[in-house]
Amino acid sequence: MEGVKPKRKKFDSYPIGFFHIDLVEVRTAEGKLDLFVAIDRTSKFAFAQLIERAGTRAASSFSGSEHLNAYLLGTIHPCM
């Protein structure tokens, strides 16, 4: 059927501390960098970090980042 849009579902509600974590490659004049971003699903608080090369160790380090934990009072629950 043309013109019929499906109903939008509401997002699940989460307590503060559930973060969506994403990674994107950023190109600059100096070369490529990887940008990690963590966004809290409830408060929309965002934390970002540029690194030279992303890998498993860097992702693990970012999700347990002392810098990110310094801004929060509770536990971080990564939601990829």
PDB file of N, CA and C in Angstrom:
ATOM      1  N   MET A   1       0.838  -1.178   0.000  1.00  0.00           N
ATOM      2  CA  MET A   1       0.000   0.000   0.000  1.00  0.00           C
ATOM      3  C   MET A   1       0.881   1.238   0.000  1.00  0.00           C
ATOM      4  N   GLU A   2       0.627   2.100  -0.914  1.00  0.00           N
ATOM      5  CA  GLU A   2       1.408   3.330  -0.997  1.00  0.00           C
ATOM      6  C   GLU A   2       0.910   4.377  -0.011  1.00  0.00           C
ATOM      7  N   GLY A   3       1.835   5.143   0.540  1.00  0.00           N
ATOM      8  CA  GLY A   3       1.486   6.242   1.416  1.00  0.00           C
ATOM      9  C   GLY A   3       1.167   5.857   2.848  1.00  0.00           C
ATOM     10  N   VAL A   4       1.179   4.560   3.151  1.00  0.00           N
ATOM     11  CA  VAL A   4       0.892   4.124   4.520  1.00  0.00           C
ATOM     12  C   VAL A   4       2.213   3.907   5.240  1.00  0.00           C
ATOM     13  N   LYS A   5       2.420   4.672   6.312  1.00  0.00           N
ATOM     14  CA  LYS A   5       3.650   4.539   7.082  1.00  0.00           C
ATOM     15  C   LYS A   5       3.392   3.651   8.291  1.00  0.00           C
ATOM     16  N   PRO A   6       4.353   2.798   8.634  1.00  0.00           N
ATOM     17  CA  PRO A   6       4.172   1.973   9.840  1.00  0.00           C
ATOM     18  C   PRO A   6       4.202   2.843  11.093  1.00  0.00           C
ATOM     19  N   LYS A   7       3.485   2.404  12.130  1.00  0.00           N
ATOM     20  CA  LYS A   7       3.473   3.145  13.391  1.00  0.00           C
ATOM     21  C   LYS A   7       4.847   3.121  14.016  1.00  0.00           C
ATOM     22  N   ARG A   8       5.244   4.254  14.565  1.00  0.00           N
ATOM     23  CA  ARG A   8       6.531   4.331  15.247  1.00  0.00           C
ATOM     24  C   ARG A   8       6.389   3.768  16.644  1.00  0.00           C
ATOM     25  N   LYS A   9       7.378   2.980  17.030  1.00  0.00           N
ATOM     26  CA  LYS A   9       7.390   2.435  18.379  1.00  0.00           C
ATOM     27  C   LYS A   9       8.119   3.401  19.296  1.00  0.00           C
ATOM     28  N   LYS A  10       7.683   3.473  20.544  1.00  0.00           N
ATOM     29  CA  LYS A  10       8.380   4.286  21.533  1.00  0.00           C
ATOM     30  C   LYS A  10       9.656   3.569  21.948  1.00  0.00           C
ATOM     31  N   PHE A  11      10.667   4.365  22.253  1.00  0.00           N
ATOM     32  CA  PHE A  11      11.910   3.799  22.758  1.00  0.00           C
ATOM     33  C   PHE A  11      11.686   3.246  24.160  1.00  0.00           C
ATOM     34  N   ASP A  12      12.384   2.179  24.470  1.00  0.00           N
ATOM     35  CA  ASP A  12      12.351   1.661  25.833  1.00  0.00           C
ATOM     36  C   ASP A  12      12.959   2.707  26.761  1.00  0.00           C
ATOM     37  N   SER A  13      12.479   2.755  27.998  1.00  0.00           N
ATOM     38  CA  SER A  13      13.078   3.692  28.945  1.00  0.00           C
ATOM     39  C   SER A  13      14.147   2.970  29.757  1.00  0.00           C
ATOM     40  N   TYR A  14      15.226   3.686  29.991  1.00  0.00           N
ATOM     41  CA  TYR A  14      16.375   3.147  30.709  1.00  0.00           C
ATOM     42  C   TYR A  14      16.736   4.095  31.843  1.00  0.00           C
ATOM     43  N   PRO A  15      17.289   3.569  32.926  1.00  0.00           N
ATOM     44  CA  PRO A  15      17.819   4.466  33.951  1.00  0.00           C
ATOM     45  C   PRO A  15      19.100   5.129  33.446  1.00  0.00           C
ATOM     46  N   ILE A  16      19.491   6.227  34.063  1.00  0.00           N
ATOM     47  CA  ILE A  16      20.726   6.900  33.667  1.00  0.00           C
ATOM     48  C   ILE A  16      21.891   5.939  33.859  1.00  0.00           C
ATOM     49  N   GLY A  17      22.782   5.917  32.908  1.00  0.00           N
ATOM     50  CA  GLY A  17      23.954   5.041  32.977  1.00  0.00           C
ATOM     51  C   GLY A  17      23.989   4.019  31.853  1.00  0.00           C
ATOM     52  N   PHE A  18      22.920   3.922  31.045  1.00  0.00           N
ATOM     53  CA  PHE A  18      22.911   3.024  29.888  1.00  0.00           C
ATOM     54  C   PHE A  18      23.352   3.829  28.676  1.00  0.00           C
ATOM     55  N   PHE A  19      24.542   3.519  28.175  1.00  0.00           N
ATOM     56  CA  PHE A  19      25.157   4.286  27.104  1.00  0.00           C
ATOM     57  C   PHE A  19      25.126   3.549  25.777  1.00  0.00           C
ATOM     58  N   HIS A  20      24.806   4.296  24.725  1.00  0.00           N
ATOM     59  CA  HIS A  20      24.988   3.810  23.359  1.00  0.00           C
ATOM     60  C   HIS A  20      26.409   4.221  22.978  1.00  0.00           C
ATOM     61  N   ILE A  21      27.222   3.257  22.572  1.00  0.00           N
ATOM     62  CA  ILE A  21      28.613   3.543  22.229  1.00  0.00           C
ATOM     63  C   ILE A  21      28.807   3.302  20.738  1.00  0.00           C
ATOM     64  N   ASP A  22      29.438   4.254  20.077  1.00  0.00           N
ATOM     65  CA  ASP A  22      29.641   4.160  18.643  1.00  0.00           C
ATOM     66  C   ASP A  22      31.059   4.585  18.280  1.00  0.00           C
ATOM     67  N   LEU A  23      31.479   4.194  17.101  1.00  0.00           N
ATOM     68  CA  LEU A  23      32.813   4.499  16.594  1.00  0.00           C
ATOM     69  C   LEU A  23      32.678   4.982  15.161  1.00  0.00           C
ATOM     70  N   VAL A  24      33.386   6.052  14.819  1.00  0.00           N
ATOM     71  CA  VAL A  24      33.375   6.571  13.458  1.00  0.00           C
ATOM     72  C   VAL A  24      34.794   7.005  13.085  1.00  0.00           C
ATOM     73  N   GLU A  25      35.128   6.858  11.818  1.00  0.00           N
ATOM     74  CA  GLU A  25      36.430   7.299  11.328  1.00  0.00           C
ATOM     75  C   GLU A  25      36.322   8.755  10.884  1.00  0.00           C
ATOM     76  N   VAL A  26      37.249   9.581  11.329  1.00  0.00           N
ATOM     77  CA  VAL A  26      37.269  11.002  10.987  1.00  0.00           C
ATOM     78  C   VAL A  26      38.526  11.262  10.162  1.00  0.00           C
ATOM     79  N   ARG A  27      38.347  11.920   9.035  1.00  0.00           N
ATOM     80  CA  ARG A  27      39.495  12.255   8.185  1.00  0.00           C
ATOM     81  C   ARG A  27      39.838  13.724   8.369  1.00  0.00           C
ATOM     82  N   THR A  28      41.124  13.963   8.626  1.00  0.00           N
ATOM     83  CA  THR A  28      41.604  15.333   8.804  1.00  0.00           C
ATOM     84  C   THR A  28      42.741  15.572   7.824  1.00  0.00           C
ATOM     85  N   ALA A  29      43.250  16.786   7.782  1.00  0.00           N
ATOM     86  CA  ALA A  29      44.381  17.105   6.909  1.00  0.00           C
ATOM     87  C   ALA A  29      45.619  16.300   7.313  1.00  0.00           C
ATOM     88  N   GLU A  30      45.704  15.951   8.597  1.00  0.00           N
ATOM     89  CA  GLU A  30      46.860  15.195   9.101  1.00  0.00           C
ATOM     90  C   GLU A  30      46.711  13.687   8.895  1.00  0.00           C
ATOM     91  N   GLY A  31      45.518  13.220   8.576  1.00  0.00           N
ATOM     92  CA  GLY A  31      45.299  11.785   8.388  1.00  0.00           C
ATOM     93  C   GLY A  31      43.982  11.347   9.002  1.00  0.00           C
ATOM     94  N   LYS A  32      43.885  10.051   9.304  1.00  0.00           N
ATOM     95  CA  LYS A  32      42.657   9.479   9.859  1.00  0.00           C
ATOM     96  C   LYS A  32      42.753   9.335  11.369  1.00  0.00           C
ATOM     97  N   LEU A  33      41.633   9.581  12.037  1.00  0.00           N
ATOM     98  CA  LEU A  33      41.509   9.348  13.469  1.00  0.00           C
ATOM     99  C   LEU A  33      40.212   8.587  13.702  1.00  0.00           C
ATOM    100  N   ASP A  34      40.134   7.874  14.803  1.00  0.00           N
ATOM    101  CA  ASP A  34      38.905   7.186  15.176  1.00  0.00           C
ATOM    102  C   ASP A  34      38.263   7.934  16.332  1.00  0.00           C
ATOM    103  N   LEU A  35      36.968   8.156  16.230  1.00  0.00           N
ATOM    104  CA  LEU A  35      36.216   8.892  17.237  1.00  0.00           C
ATOM    105  C   LEU A  35      35.256   7.942  17.937  1.00  0.00           C
ATOM    106  N   PHE A  36      35.470   7.751  19.239  1.00  0.00           N
ATOM    107  CA  PHE A  36      34.543   6.989  20.074  1.00  0.00           C
ATOM    108  C   PHE A  36      33.554   7.976  20.674  1.00  0.00           C
ATOM    109  N   VAL A  37      32.273   7.615  20.669  1.00  0.00           N
ATOM    110  CA  VAL A  37      31.226   8.454  21.252  1.00  0.00           C
ATOM    111  C   VAL A  37      30.351   7.582  22.142  1.00  0.00           C
ATOM    112  N   ALA A  38      30.055   8.077  23.346  1.00  0.00           N
ATOM    113  CA  ALA A  38      29.129   7.396  24.263  1.00  0.00           C
ATOM    114  C   ALA A  38      28.017   8.392  24.593  1.00  0.00           C
ATOM    115  N   ILE A  39      26.756   7.972  24.364  1.00  0.00           N
ATOM    116  CA  ILE A  39      25.616   8.850  24.629  1.00  0.00           C
ATOM    117  C   ILE A  39      24.679   8.136  25.594  1.00  0.00           C
ATOM    118  N   ASP A  40      24.390   8.786  26.713  1.00  0.00           N
ATOM    119  CA  ASP A  40      23.466   8.228  27.692  1.00  0.00           C
ATOM    120  C   ASP A  40      22.066   8.235  27.095  1.00  0.00           C
ATOM    121  N   ARG A  41      21.383   7.099  27.160  1.00  0.00           N
ATOM    122  CA  ARG A  41      20.076   6.975  26.525  1.00  0.00           C
ATOM    123  C   ARG A  41      18.997   7.814  27.192  1.00  0.00           C
ATOM    124  N   THR A  42      19.161   8.163  28.455  1.00  0.00           N
ATOM    125  CA  THR A  42      18.133   8.926  29.158  1.00  0.00           C
ATOM    126  C   THR A  42      18.450  10.409  29.196  1.00  0.00           C
ATOM    127  N   SER A  43      19.629  10.766  29.684  1.00  0.00           N
ATOM    128  CA  SER A  43      19.967  12.188  29.871  1.00  0.00           C
ATOM    129  C   SER A  43      20.531  12.827  28.611  1.00  0.00           C
ATOM    130  N   LYS A  44      20.940  12.008  27.627  1.00  0.00           N
ATOM    131  CA  LYS A  44      21.573  12.474  26.381  1.00  0.00           C
ATOM    132  C   LYS A  44      22.949  13.080  26.626  1.00  0.00           C
ATOM    133  N   PHE A  45      23.538  12.825  27.800  1.00  0.00           N
ATOM    134  CA  PHE A  45      24.908  13.243  28.078  1.00  0.00           C
ATOM    135  C   PHE A  45      25.810  12.521  27.078  1.00  0.00           C
ATOM    136  N   ALA A  46      26.727  13.238  26.459  1.00  0.00           N
ATOM    137  CA  ALA A  46      27.618  12.643  25.470  1.00  0.00           C
ATOM    138  C   ALA A  46      29.071  12.825  25.893  1.00  0.00           C
ATOM    139  N   PHE A  47      29.867  11.810  25.596  1.00  0.00           N
ATOM    140  CA  PHE A  47      31.296  11.844  25.876  1.00  0.00           C
ATOM    141  C   PHE A  47      31.995  11.345  24.622  1.00  0.00           C
ATOM    142  N   ALA A  48      33.027  12.043  24.170  1.00  0.00           N
ATOM    143  CA  ALA A  48      33.729  11.662  22.950  1.00  0.00           C
ATOM    144  C   ALA A  48      35.235  11.640  23.188  1.00  0.00           C
ATOM    145  N   GLN A  49      35.916  10.787  22.423  1.00  0.00           N
ATOM    146  CA  GLN A  49      37.373  10.691  22.539  1.00  0.00           C
ATOM    147  C   GLN A  49      37.950  10.329  21.170  1.00  0.00           C
ATOM    148  N   LEU A  50      38.925  11.113  20.721  1.00  0.00           N
ATOM    149  CA  LEU A  50      39.643  10.827  19.475  1.00  0.00           C
ATOM    150  C   LEU A  50      40.880   9.998  19.787  1.00  0.00           C
ATOM    151  N   ILE A  51      41.101   8.947  19.011  1.00  0.00           N
ATOM    152  CA  ILE A  51      42.319   8.148  19.157  1.00  0.00           C
ATOM    153  C   ILE A  51      42.898   7.874  17.770  1.00  0.00           C
ATOM    154  N   GLU A  52      44.173   7.533  17.737  1.00  0.00           N
ATOM    155  CA  GLU A  52      44.829   7.321  16.451  1.00  0.00           C
ATOM    156  C   GLU A  52      44.402   6.024  15.773  1.00  0.00           C
ATOM    157  N   ARG A  53      44.227   4.973  16.533  1.00  0.00           N
ATOM    158  CA  ARG A  53      43.849   3.694  15.932  1.00  0.00           C
ATOM    159  C   ARG A  53      42.940   2.928  16.883  1.00  0.00           C
ATOM    160  N   ALA A  54      41.750   2.575  16.406  1.00  0.00           N
ATOM    161  CA  ALA A  54      40.790   1.837  17.236  1.00  0.00           C
ATOM    162  C   ALA A  54      41.023   0.338  17.087  1.00  0.00           C
ATOM    163  N   GLY A  55      40.900  -0.347  18.186  1.00  0.00           N
ATOM    164  CA  GLY A  55      40.993  -1.793  18.209  1.00  0.00           C
ATOM    165  C   GLY A  55      40.216  -2.301  19.406  1.00  0.00           C
ATOM    166  N   THR A  56      40.286  -3.587  19.647  1.00  0.00           N
ATOM    167  CA  THR A  56      39.560  -4.183  20.765  1.00  0.00           C
ATOM    168  C   THR A  56      39.992  -3.580  22.090  1.00  0.00           C
ATOM    169  N   ARG A  57      41.289  -3.410  22.254  1.00  0.00           N
ATOM    170  CA  ARG A  57      41.804  -2.864  23.506  1.00  0.00           C
ATOM    171  C   ARG A  57      41.344  -1.409  23.701  1.00  0.00           C
ATOM    172  N   ALA A  58      41.351  -0.626  22.629  1.00  0.00           N
ATOM    173  CA  ALA A  58      40.920   0.772  22.724  1.00  0.00           C
ATOM    174  C   ALA A  58      39.430   0.862  23.046  1.00  0.00           C
ATOM    175  N   ALA A  59      38.624  -0.011  22.449  1.00  0.00           N
ATOM    176  CA  ALA A  59      37.180  -0.007  22.716  1.00  0.00           C
ATOM    177  C   ALA A  59      36.897  -0.381  24.166  1.00  0.00           C
ATOM    178  N   SER A  60      37.604  -1.370  24.657  1.00  0.00           N
ATOM    179  CA  SER A  60      37.432  -1.790  26.046  1.00  0.00           C
ATOM    180  C   SER A  60      37.869  -0.676  26.994  1.00  0.00           C
ATOM    181  N   SER A  61      38.958  -0.042  26.666  1.00  0.00           N
ATOM    182  CA  SER A  61      39.476   1.057  27.480  1.00  0.00           C
ATOM    183  C   SER A  61      38.496   2.219  27.491  1.00  0.00           C
ATOM    184  N   PHE A  62      37.877   2.507  26.336  1.00  0.00           N
ATOM    185  CA  PHE A  62      36.932   3.621  26.252  1.00  0.00           C
ATOM    186  C   PHE A  62      35.681   3.348  27.081  1.00  0.00           C
ATOM    187  N   SER A  63      35.121   2.151  26.995  1.00  0.00           N
ATOM    188  CA  SER A  63      33.875   1.855  27.719  1.00  0.00           C
ATOM    189  C   SER A  63      34.090   1.840  29.228  1.00  0.00           C
ATOM    190  N   GLY A  64      35.316   1.603  29.677  1.00  0.00           N
ATOM    191  CA  GLY A  64      35.621   1.645  31.100  1.00  0.00           C
ATOM    192  C   GLY A  64      36.460   2.855  31.453  1.00  0.00           C
ATOM    193  N   SER A  65      36.386   3.874  30.607  1.00  0.00           N
ATOM    194  CA  SER A  65      37.241   5.049  30.721  1.00  0.00           C
ATOM    195  C   SER A  65      37.110   5.770  32.063  1.00  0.00           C
ATOM    196  N   GLU A  66      38.254   6.070  32.658  1.00  0.00           N
ATOM    197  CA  GLU A  66      38.268   6.850  33.898  1.00  0.00           C
ATOM    198  C   GLU A  66      37.718   8.251  33.648  1.00  0.00           C
ATOM    199  N   HIS A  67      37.941   8.782  32.444  1.00  0.00           N
ATOM    200  CA  HIS A  67      37.439  10.109  32.110  1.00  0.00           C
ATOM    201  C   HIS A  67      35.909  10.104  32.099  1.00  0.00           C
ATOM    202  N   LEU A  68      35.329   9.069  31.513  1.00  0.00           N
ATOM    203  CA  LEU A  68      33.873   8.951  31.473  1.00  0.00           C
ATOM    204  C   LEU A  68      33.321   8.694  32.866  1.00  0.00           C
ATOM    205  N   ASN A  69      33.958   7.824  33.618  1.00  0.00           N
ATOM    206  CA  ASN A  69      33.508   7.511  34.977  1.00  0.00           C
ATOM    207  C   ASN A  69      33.582   8.727  35.894  1.00  0.00           C
ATOM    208  N   ALA A  70      34.491   9.656  35.634  1.00  0.00           N
ATOM    209  CA  ALA A  70      34.641  10.845  36.471  1.00  0.00           C
ATOM    210  C   ALA A  70      33.400  11.727  36.426  1.00  0.00           C
ATOM    211  N   TYR A  71      32.642  11.665  35.331  1.00  0.00           N
ATOM    212  CA  TYR A  71      31.443  12.492  35.189  1.00  0.00           C
ATOM    213  C   TYR A  71      30.184  11.822  35.727  1.00  0.00           C
ATOM    214  N   LEU A  72      30.277  10.549  36.043  1.00  0.00           N
ATOM    215  CA  LEU A  72      29.092   9.793  36.448  1.00  0.00           C
ATOM    216  C   LEU A  72      29.169   9.374  37.899  1.00  0.00           C
ATOM    217  N   LEU A  73      28.018   9.226  38.496  1.00  0.00           N
ATOM    218  CA  LEU A  73      27.956   8.766  39.879  1.00  0.00           C
ATOM    219  C   LEU A  73      27.646   7.277  39.957  1.00  0.00           C
ATOM    220  N   GLY A  74      27.031   6.736  38.914  1.00  0.00           N
ATOM    221  CA  GLY A  74      26.608   5.345  38.948  1.00  0.00           C
ATOM    222  C   GLY A  74      27.470   4.454  38.075  1.00  0.00           C
ATOM    223  N   THR A  75      26.913   3.311  37.731  1.00  0.00           N
ATOM    224  CA  THR A  75      27.602   2.317  36.913  1.00  0.00           C
ATOM    225  C   THR A  75      27.296   2.558  35.440  1.00  0.00           C
ATOM    226  N   ILE A  76      28.277   2.289  34.593  1.00  0.00           N
ATOM    227  CA  ILE A  76      28.089   2.393  33.156  1.00  0.00           C
ATOM    228  C   ILE A  76      27.632   1.038  32.629  1.00  0.00           C
ATOM    229  N   HIS A  77      26.581   1.044  31.812  1.00  0.00           N
ATOM    230  CA  HIS A  77      26.079  -0.159  31.163  1.00  0.00           C
ATOM    231  C   HIS A  77      26.148   0.070  29.662  1.00  0.00           C
ATOM    232  N   PRO A  78      27.210  -0.403  28.976  1.00  0.00           N
ATOM    233  CA  PRO A  78      27.318  -0.168  27.542  1.00  0.00           C
ATOM    234  C   PRO A  78      26.219  -0.896  26.763  1.00  0.00           C
ATOM    235  N   CYS A  79      25.567  -0.214  25.855  1.00  0.00           N
ATOM    236  CA  CYS A  79      24.555  -0.778  24.961  1.00  0.00           C
ATOM    237  C   CYS A  79      25.049  -0.530  23.546  1.00  0.00           C
ATOM    238  N   MET A  80      25.633  -1.497  22.929  1.00  0.00           N
ATOM    239  CA  MET A  80      26.243  -1.311  21.625  1.00  0.00           C
ATOM    240  C   MET A  80      25.206  -1.163  20.540  1.00  0.00           C
TER     241      MET A  80
END
